[in-house]
Amino acid sequence: MTTIANRAPHEPVWEPGDVVLDAAATIYQRADEQSVEEGWPWHLGATSTYDLRHNLPVAPEGGHSEDDPVRPLTLLVRRGKAVQTISMVSEPSSHPVQRGDNAS
């Protein structure tokens, strides 16, 4: 995943609708442009990230300042797509699962 260091000149430009995980394990979503201009660039939580009918990111109204998300931030979703997919493969266990006496 893309980890974003503490806010600095090299921090990437956030796009409306970006979903991030902050260092305190809280999910934030980048707000719409009007909210950003008003000083409320982040929305707590994320319920929808992309409008397929209009082919546009969903950006909610903001309610949190730039300093509210605890840095570093990890970018999770951009333009409705996961930034990186984690694949987990489960292999069969070589040890049989033991169950209670009543299990068959």
Protein backbone atom coordinates (compact mmCIF):
# COMPACT_ATOMS: atom_id res chain seq x y z
CA MET A 1 0.00 0.00 0.00
CA THR A 2 1.04 3.56 -0.49
CA THR A 3 2.03 5.09 2.84
CA ILE A 4 2.00 8.86 3.02
CA ALA A 5 4.47 10.44 5.47
CA ASN A 6 3.56 13.31 7.80
CA ARG A 7 2.09 16.22 5.88
CA ALA A 8 4.96 17.83 4.00
CA PRO A 9 5.64 19.47 0.64
CA HIS A 10 6.19 16.02 -0.92
CA GLU A 11 2.77 14.75 0.22
CA PRO A 12 0.74 13.85 -2.85
CA VAL A 13 -2.27 15.87 -3.84
CA TRP A 14 -5.36 14.23 -2.42
CA GLU A 15 -8.25 13.69 -4.80
CA PRO A 16 -11.93 14.05 -3.84
CA GLY A 17 -13.19 10.63 -2.78
CA ASP A 18 -9.77 9.21 -1.75
CA VAL A 19 -10.11 6.83 1.18
CA VAL A 20 -7.27 6.63 3.70
CA LEU A 21 -6.43 4.82 6.92
CA ASP A 22 -4.70 7.05 9.45
CA ALA A 23 -2.11 6.05 12.05
CA ALA A 24 -4.85 5.75 14.69
CA ALA A 25 -6.68 3.13 12.54
CA THR A 26 -9.47 5.52 11.55
CA ILE A 27 -10.93 5.62 8.03
CA TYR A 28 -11.28 9.05 6.39
CA GLN A 29 -12.51 10.04 2.94
CA ARG A 30 -11.35 13.16 1.09
CA ALA A 31 -14.19 15.65 0.89
CA ASP A 32 -15.60 17.56 -2.06
CA GLU A 33 -13.76 20.63 -3.38
CA GLN A 34 -16.11 23.12 -1.68
CA SER A 35 -15.47 21.55 1.74
CA VAL A 36 -11.71 21.56 1.10
CA GLU A 37 -11.85 25.28 0.27
CA GLU A 38 -13.85 25.90 3.47
CA GLY A 39 -11.16 24.15 5.56
CA TRP A 40 -12.96 20.84 6.11
CA PRO A 41 -11.14 18.48 3.72
CA TRP A 42 -11.85 15.15 5.43
CA HIS A 43 -15.01 13.14 6.11
CA LEU A 44 -14.98 10.48 8.83
CA GLY A 45 -15.65 7.03 7.39
CA ALA A 46 -16.52 6.05 3.84
CA THR A 47 -19.72 4.47 2.57
CA SER A 48 -19.48 4.99 -1.18
CA THR A 49 -16.41 5.84 -3.24
CA TYR A 50 -17.48 5.85 -6.90
CA ASP A 51 -20.59 6.62 -8.94
CA LEU A 52 -20.58 4.15 -11.82
CA ARG A 53 -23.51 5.82 -13.59
CA HIS A 54 -21.67 9.12 -13.92
CA ASN A 55 -18.13 7.68 -13.90
CA LEU A 56 -17.08 10.03 -11.09
CA PRO A 57 -15.63 9.63 -7.59
CA VAL A 58 -18.07 10.19 -4.73
CA ALA A 59 -16.83 12.93 -2.44
CA PRO A 60 -18.86 13.69 0.68
CA GLU A 61 -19.07 16.98 2.57
CA GLY A 62 -16.12 17.41 4.90
CA GLY A 63 -16.33 17.81 8.63
CA HIS A 64 -12.73 17.38 9.77
CA SER A 65 -9.67 19.60 9.36
CA GLU A 66 -6.46 18.69 7.55
CA ASP A 67 -4.84 17.95 10.92
CA ASP A 68 -7.50 15.53 12.19
CA PRO A 69 -6.26 12.38 10.41
CA VAL A 70 -3.17 11.20 12.31
CA ARG A 71 -0.18 10.92 9.98
CA PRO A 72 1.13 8.86 8.33
CA LEU A 73 -1.83 8.08 6.08
CA THR A 74 -2.23 4.96 4.00
CA LEU A 75 -4.12 5.45 0.76
CA LEU A 76 -6.65 2.60 0.38
CA VAL A 77 -8.99 3.63 -2.45
CA ARG A 78 -8.61 6.10 -5.33
CA ARG A 79 -11.21 6.63 -8.07
CA GLY A 80 -13.24 3.76 -6.68
CA LYS A 81 -10.44 1.19 -6.95
CA ALA A 82 -8.30 -0.41 -4.28
CA VAL A 83 -4.78 0.97 -4.43
CA GLN A 84 -3.32 -2.46 -3.77
CA THR A 85 -5.03 -5.78 -3.40
CA ILE A 86 -3.78 -8.17 -0.76
CA SER A 87 -4.10 -11.81 -1.76
CA MET A 88 -4.19 -14.40 0.96
CA VAL A 89 -3.83 -18.04 0.06
CA SER A 90 -4.90 -20.69 2.49
CA GLU A 91 -3.15 -24.00 2.18
CA PRO A 92 -4.57 -27.23 3.54
CA SER A 93 -3.33 -28.06 6.99
CA SER A 94 -1.24 -31.18 7.40
CA HIS A 95 -2.77 -31.57 10.85
CA PRO A 96 -6.36 -32.78 11.17
CA VAL A 97 -8.74 -30.42 12.93
CA GLN A 98 -9.65 -31.83 16.31
CA ARG A 99 -13.21 -31.35 17.42
CA GLY A 100 -15.13 -32.17 20.55
CA ASP A 101 -16.11 -35.75 21.41
CA ASN A 102 -19.55 -35.31 19.82
CA ALA A 103 -18.18 -34.36 16.40
CA SER A 104 -18.16 -37.03 13.71
